N, C-alpha and C. Protein backbone atom coordinates (compact mmCIF):
# COMPACT_ATOMS: atom_id res chain seq x y z
N MET A 1 87.82 94.16 102.05
CA MET A 1 87.58 95.56 102.36
C MET A 1 88.92 96.29 102.41
N ASN A 2 88.93 97.50 101.91
CA ASN A 2 90.12 98.34 101.93
C ASN A 2 90.10 99.20 103.19
N ALA A 3 91.09 99.03 104.06
CA ALA A 3 91.13 99.84 105.27
C ALA A 3 91.39 101.30 104.92
N ASP A 4 92.42 101.56 104.14
CA ASP A 4 92.75 102.92 103.71
C ASP A 4 92.50 103.01 102.21
N ILE A 5 92.05 104.16 101.75
CA ILE A 5 91.73 104.36 100.34
C ILE A 5 92.47 105.59 99.83
N THR A 6 93.12 105.47 98.67
CA THR A 6 93.79 106.61 98.05
C THR A 6 92.94 107.09 96.89
N LEU A 7 92.57 108.37 96.93
CA LEU A 7 91.79 109.02 95.87
C LEU A 7 92.54 110.25 95.41
N ASN A 8 92.82 110.34 94.13
CA ASN A 8 93.53 111.51 93.59
C ASN A 8 94.76 111.85 94.42
N THR A 9 95.55 110.88 94.74
CA THR A 9 96.79 110.97 95.52
C THR A 9 96.57 111.30 97.00
N LEU A 10 95.33 111.45 97.45
CA LEU A 10 95.05 111.71 98.86
C LEU A 10 94.77 110.38 99.57
N SER A 11 95.36 110.20 100.74
CA SER A 11 95.21 108.95 101.49
C SER A 11 94.17 109.12 102.60
N PHE A 12 93.05 108.44 102.44
CA PHE A 12 91.98 108.46 103.43
C PHE A 12 92.20 107.30 104.38
N LYS A 13 92.55 107.62 105.62
CA LYS A 13 92.86 106.61 106.63
C LYS A 13 91.59 106.23 107.40
N GLN A 14 91.37 104.94 107.54
CA GLN A 14 90.18 104.45 108.25
C GLN A 14 90.25 104.81 109.72
N THR A 15 89.18 105.41 110.23
CA THR A 15 89.12 105.78 111.65
C THR A 15 88.04 105.02 112.39
N ALA A 16 87.08 104.44 111.67
CA ALA A 16 86.01 103.66 112.29
C ALA A 16 85.51 102.63 111.29
N ASN A 17 85.08 101.49 111.81
CA ASN A 17 84.58 100.42 110.96
C ASN A 17 83.56 99.59 111.75
N SER A 18 82.46 99.24 111.11
CA SER A 18 81.47 98.37 111.73
C SER A 18 80.79 97.56 110.63
N GLU A 19 79.85 96.71 111.01
CA GLU A 19 79.12 95.92 110.02
C GLU A 19 78.30 96.79 109.08
N THR A 20 77.94 97.99 109.51
CA THR A 20 77.08 98.84 108.70
C THR A 20 77.83 99.94 107.96
N GLY A 21 79.15 100.01 108.10
CA GLY A 21 79.88 101.03 107.36
C GLY A 21 81.23 101.39 107.93
N SER A 22 81.79 102.48 107.38
CA SER A 22 83.13 102.89 107.80
C SER A 22 83.30 104.40 107.59
N ILE A 23 84.31 104.93 108.26
CA ILE A 23 84.66 106.35 108.15
C ILE A 23 86.16 106.44 107.92
N ARG A 24 86.55 107.31 106.97
CA ARG A 24 87.97 107.54 106.68
C ARG A 24 88.22 109.04 106.63
N ARG A 25 89.41 109.47 107.10
CA ARG A 25 89.76 110.90 107.13
C ARG A 25 91.06 111.12 106.36
N GLU A 26 91.12 112.29 105.74
CA GLU A 26 92.31 112.73 105.03
C GLU A 26 92.63 114.12 105.54
N ILE A 27 93.87 114.35 105.99
CA ILE A 27 94.18 115.62 106.67
C ILE A 27 95.37 116.35 106.06
N SER A 28 95.61 116.22 104.77
CA SER A 28 96.78 116.88 104.17
C SER A 28 96.67 118.41 104.22
N ARG A 29 95.47 118.97 104.33
CA ARG A 29 95.31 120.43 104.44
C ARG A 29 95.27 120.88 105.89
N GLY A 30 95.51 119.96 106.82
CA GLY A 30 95.50 120.26 108.25
C GLY A 30 94.35 119.57 108.94
N VAL A 31 94.52 119.30 110.24
CA VAL A 31 93.49 118.57 110.99
C VAL A 31 92.19 119.35 111.10
N ASN A 32 92.23 120.67 110.97
CA ASN A 32 91.01 121.47 111.05
C ASN A 32 90.26 121.54 109.72
N LEU A 33 90.90 121.10 108.64
CA LEU A 33 90.28 121.12 107.31
C LEU A 33 90.35 119.73 106.67
N PRO A 34 89.76 118.74 107.34
CA PRO A 34 89.85 117.38 106.80
C PRO A 34 88.89 117.15 105.65
N GLU A 35 89.09 116.04 104.98
CA GLU A 35 88.08 115.47 104.11
C GLU A 35 87.68 114.17 104.78
N VAL A 36 86.38 113.92 104.85
CA VAL A 36 85.87 112.74 105.55
C VAL A 36 85.03 111.93 104.57
N LEU A 37 85.41 110.67 104.40
CA LEU A 37 84.71 109.74 103.53
C LEU A 37 83.94 108.76 104.40
N THR A 38 82.62 108.76 104.24
CA THR A 38 81.77 107.87 105.03
C THR A 38 81.03 106.92 104.08
N ILE A 39 81.07 105.64 104.39
CA ILE A 39 80.36 104.63 103.60
C ILE A 39 79.46 103.88 104.57
N ARG A 40 78.16 103.82 104.24
CA ARG A 40 77.19 103.15 105.11
C ARG A 40 76.29 102.23 104.30
N HIS A 41 75.81 101.18 104.95
CA HIS A 41 74.89 100.23 104.33
C HIS A 41 73.71 100.00 105.28
N GLN A 42 72.52 99.87 104.72
CA GLN A 42 71.33 99.69 105.54
C GLN A 42 70.34 98.80 104.79
N ASP A 43 69.81 97.80 105.48
CA ASP A 43 68.73 97.00 104.91
C ASP A 43 67.47 97.85 104.88
N TYR A 44 66.63 97.66 103.87
CA TYR A 44 65.38 98.40 103.77
C TYR A 44 64.34 97.53 103.07
N THR A 45 63.10 97.94 103.16
CA THR A 45 62.02 97.34 102.39
C THR A 45 61.29 98.46 101.67
N ASP A 46 61.21 98.35 100.35
CA ASP A 46 60.52 99.36 99.55
C ASP A 46 59.03 99.34 99.91
N LYS A 47 58.49 100.49 100.27
CA LYS A 47 57.11 100.56 100.74
C LYS A 47 56.09 100.30 99.64
N SER A 48 56.40 100.68 98.41
CA SER A 48 55.42 100.50 97.34
C SER A 48 55.40 99.08 96.77
N THR A 49 56.58 98.40 96.76
CA THR A 49 56.63 97.05 96.19
C THR A 49 56.81 95.96 97.24
N ASN A 50 57.06 96.36 98.48
CA ASN A 50 57.32 95.42 99.58
C ASN A 50 58.54 94.53 99.30
N THR A 51 59.48 95.04 98.49
CA THR A 51 60.68 94.30 98.14
C THR A 51 61.82 94.72 99.05
N PRO A 52 62.48 93.75 99.69
CA PRO A 52 63.63 94.11 100.52
C PRO A 52 64.85 94.42 99.67
N GLY A 53 65.81 95.10 100.28
CA GLY A 53 67.05 95.43 99.58
C GLY A 53 68.08 96.00 100.52
N VAL A 54 69.15 96.49 99.93
CA VAL A 54 70.23 97.13 100.68
C VAL A 54 70.45 98.52 100.09
N ARG A 55 70.48 99.50 100.96
CA ARG A 55 70.74 100.88 100.57
C ARG A 55 72.16 101.22 101.01
N SER A 56 73.00 101.61 100.05
CA SER A 56 74.39 101.99 100.35
C SER A 56 74.55 103.47 100.08
N ASN A 57 75.24 104.15 101.00
CA ASN A 57 75.45 105.59 100.88
C ASN A 57 76.93 105.88 100.97
N ILE A 58 77.42 106.69 100.02
CA ILE A 58 78.80 107.17 100.03
C ILE A 58 78.72 108.68 100.19
N ARG A 59 79.41 109.21 101.20
CA ARG A 59 79.37 110.65 101.46
C ARG A 59 80.79 111.15 101.61
N LEU A 60 81.07 112.29 100.99
CA LEU A 60 82.37 112.94 101.13
C LEU A 60 82.14 114.36 101.60
N ASP A 61 82.75 114.71 102.73
CA ASP A 61 82.69 116.06 103.28
C ASP A 61 84.09 116.66 103.21
N ARG A 62 84.20 117.81 102.57
CA ARG A 62 85.46 118.56 102.53
C ARG A 62 85.25 119.82 103.35
N TYR A 63 85.96 119.93 104.45
CA TYR A 63 85.80 121.07 105.34
C TYR A 63 86.63 122.24 104.83
N VAL A 64 86.00 123.42 104.75
CA VAL A 64 86.64 124.62 104.24
C VAL A 64 86.39 125.78 105.21
N ALA A 65 87.24 126.80 105.13
CA ALA A 65 87.10 127.97 106.00
C ALA A 65 86.33 129.05 105.25
N LYS A 66 85.24 129.53 105.87
CA LYS A 66 84.52 130.67 105.32
C LYS A 66 85.36 131.93 105.52
N VAL A 67 84.97 133.01 104.88
CA VAL A 67 85.67 134.29 105.02
C VAL A 67 85.74 134.68 106.50
N SER A 68 84.70 134.35 107.26
CA SER A 68 84.65 134.68 108.69
C SER A 68 85.59 133.81 109.52
N GLY A 69 86.13 132.74 108.90
CA GLY A 69 86.99 131.82 109.64
C GLY A 69 86.26 130.58 110.13
N GLU A 70 84.94 130.60 110.09
CA GLU A 70 84.16 129.44 110.51
C GLU A 70 84.42 128.28 109.55
N ILE A 71 84.54 127.06 110.09
CA ILE A 71 84.80 125.86 109.30
C ILE A 71 83.45 125.22 108.97
N VAL A 72 83.21 124.97 107.67
CA VAL A 72 81.95 124.36 107.21
C VAL A 72 82.25 123.29 106.17
N PRO A 73 81.37 122.29 106.03
CA PRO A 73 81.61 121.25 105.02
C PRO A 73 80.97 121.59 103.67
N VAL A 74 81.68 121.19 102.62
CA VAL A 74 81.11 121.08 101.28
C VAL A 74 80.94 119.58 101.09
N SER A 75 79.72 119.12 100.79
CA SER A 75 79.43 117.69 100.84
C SER A 75 78.79 117.18 99.57
N ILE A 76 79.05 115.92 99.29
CA ILE A 76 78.34 115.21 98.24
C ILE A 76 77.98 113.84 98.79
N SER A 77 76.81 113.37 98.39
CA SER A 77 76.34 112.08 98.88
C SER A 77 75.66 111.35 97.73
N VAL A 78 75.98 110.07 97.60
CA VAL A 78 75.35 109.23 96.59
C VAL A 78 74.74 108.03 97.32
N THR A 79 73.48 107.78 97.06
CA THR A 79 72.81 106.63 97.65
C THR A 79 72.32 105.72 96.54
N VAL A 80 72.65 104.44 96.65
CA VAL A 80 72.20 103.44 95.69
C VAL A 80 71.35 102.44 96.45
N ALA A 81 70.09 102.29 96.01
CA ALA A 81 69.18 101.32 96.63
C ALA A 81 69.07 100.13 95.68
N VAL A 82 69.44 98.94 96.19
CA VAL A 82 69.47 97.74 95.36
C VAL A 82 68.50 96.71 95.92
N PRO A 83 67.43 96.42 95.18
CA PRO A 83 66.49 95.38 95.63
C PRO A 83 67.19 94.03 95.70
N THR A 84 66.84 93.24 96.71
CA THR A 84 67.38 91.90 96.84
C THR A 84 66.51 90.96 96.02
N ASP A 85 66.98 90.67 94.79
CA ASP A 85 66.22 89.82 93.88
C ASP A 85 67.20 89.29 92.84
N ALA A 86 67.02 88.03 92.44
CA ALA A 86 67.92 87.41 91.47
C ALA A 86 67.89 88.13 90.12
N GLY A 87 66.81 88.87 89.85
CA GLY A 87 66.71 89.62 88.60
C GLY A 87 67.57 90.87 88.58
N VAL A 88 68.02 91.32 89.73
CA VAL A 88 68.89 92.49 89.82
C VAL A 88 70.33 91.99 89.86
N VAL A 89 71.09 92.33 88.81
CA VAL A 89 72.46 91.83 88.69
C VAL A 89 73.45 92.99 88.81
N SER A 90 74.73 92.66 88.95
CA SER A 90 75.74 93.69 89.15
C SER A 90 75.77 94.71 88.00
N ALA A 91 75.45 94.30 86.78
CA ALA A 91 75.43 95.23 85.64
C ALA A 91 74.37 96.31 85.83
N ASP A 92 73.28 95.98 86.51
CA ASP A 92 72.25 96.98 86.78
C ASP A 92 72.77 98.04 87.75
N ILE A 93 73.50 97.60 88.75
CA ILE A 93 74.05 98.52 89.75
C ILE A 93 75.13 99.40 89.13
N THR A 94 76.08 98.78 88.45
CA THR A 94 77.16 99.57 87.84
C THR A 94 76.62 100.47 86.73
N GLY A 95 75.55 100.05 86.08
CA GLY A 95 74.95 100.88 85.03
C GLY A 95 74.45 102.21 85.55
N VAL A 96 73.73 102.20 86.67
CA VAL A 96 73.22 103.47 87.20
C VAL A 96 74.35 104.32 87.77
N VAL A 97 75.34 103.68 88.38
CA VAL A 97 76.49 104.43 88.90
C VAL A 97 77.26 105.07 87.75
N ASP A 98 77.52 104.31 86.69
CA ASP A 98 78.24 104.84 85.53
C ASP A 98 77.52 106.04 84.92
N ARG A 99 76.20 106.02 84.88
CA ARG A 99 75.46 107.14 84.30
C ARG A 99 75.66 108.43 85.11
N ILE A 100 75.63 108.31 86.43
CA ILE A 100 75.86 109.49 87.28
C ILE A 100 77.29 109.98 87.11
N VAL A 101 78.26 109.08 87.11
CA VAL A 101 79.66 109.45 86.92
C VAL A 101 79.83 110.16 85.58
N ASN A 102 79.25 109.62 84.52
CA ASN A 102 79.39 110.23 83.19
C ASN A 102 78.70 111.59 83.11
N LEU A 103 77.64 111.78 83.85
CA LEU A 103 76.96 113.07 83.88
C LEU A 103 77.89 114.16 84.43
N LEU A 104 78.65 113.82 85.47
CA LEU A 104 79.50 114.78 86.16
C LEU A 104 80.94 114.82 85.65
N HIS A 105 81.46 113.71 85.19
CA HIS A 105 82.87 113.57 84.86
C HIS A 105 83.27 114.39 83.64
N GLY A 106 84.52 114.83 83.65
CA GLY A 106 85.05 115.62 82.54
C GLY A 106 85.06 114.88 81.22
N THR A 107 85.24 115.60 80.16
CA THR A 107 85.20 115.01 78.83
C THR A 107 86.41 114.14 78.53
N THR A 108 87.39 114.08 79.45
CA THR A 108 88.50 113.14 79.27
C THR A 108 87.99 111.72 79.42
N ASN A 109 86.86 111.55 80.10
CA ASN A 109 86.15 110.28 80.16
C ASN A 109 85.38 110.18 78.85
N THR A 110 85.52 109.10 78.12
CA THR A 110 84.92 108.96 76.79
C THR A 110 83.45 109.35 76.77
N SER A 111 82.71 108.98 77.79
CA SER A 111 81.27 109.28 77.82
C SER A 111 80.94 110.47 78.71
N GLY A 112 81.95 111.14 79.25
CA GLY A 112 81.71 112.21 80.21
C GLY A 112 81.09 113.46 79.59
N LEU A 113 80.09 114.00 80.26
CA LEU A 113 79.43 115.22 79.81
C LEU A 113 79.97 116.47 80.50
N ASP A 114 80.69 116.29 81.62
CA ASP A 114 81.32 117.39 82.35
C ASP A 114 80.30 118.46 82.76
N LEU A 115 79.18 118.03 83.33
CA LEU A 115 78.14 118.96 83.75
C LEU A 115 78.19 119.29 85.25
N LYS A 116 79.30 118.94 85.93
CA LYS A 116 79.37 119.17 87.37
C LYS A 116 79.25 120.64 87.73
N ASP A 117 79.94 121.52 87.01
CA ASP A 117 79.84 122.96 87.31
C ASP A 117 78.44 123.49 86.98
N GLU A 118 77.92 123.08 85.83
CA GLU A 118 76.59 123.56 85.42
C GLU A 118 75.52 123.15 86.43
N ILE A 119 75.59 121.91 86.92
CA ILE A 119 74.57 121.42 87.84
C ILE A 119 74.84 121.86 89.27
N LEU A 120 76.07 121.66 89.76
CA LEU A 120 76.35 121.86 91.18
C LEU A 120 76.78 123.27 91.56
N VAL A 121 77.38 124.01 90.63
CA VAL A 121 77.83 125.36 90.94
C VAL A 121 76.84 126.40 90.40
N ASN A 122 76.48 126.28 89.11
CA ASN A 122 75.62 127.27 88.47
C ASN A 122 74.13 127.00 88.64
N ARG A 123 73.78 125.85 89.21
CA ARG A 123 72.38 125.47 89.46
C ARG A 123 71.56 125.43 88.18
N GLU A 124 72.19 124.96 87.10
CA GLU A 124 71.53 124.81 85.81
C GLU A 124 71.04 123.38 85.65
N GLN A 125 70.39 123.13 84.56
CA GLN A 125 69.85 121.84 84.15
C GLN A 125 68.58 121.59 84.88
């Protein structure tokens, strides 16, 4: 496990850790405007198939100041539910993650469609 994580030159320092997840903070814009990276894991059982699995959630909150001065988060969250079964292999997990990344990632990524603004800002698609 990585205690601290560097993303795009920003250093997210671990502030909490447990068996079910961790929290990391980055404060280069000031302690009142942090970015908070939360990673959590939870066992689950799919209700329709009765198959157990692990649900992992990655959440990033970037706190920004509104015109009024109030501090609010801009957030993104990705949840991956992985059934516990020998038929589910790591390529299945990375395959679905890669598709989401390619949907949002810029065209500098060979398969990137760069639809993040269209989907998340302009509410298109």
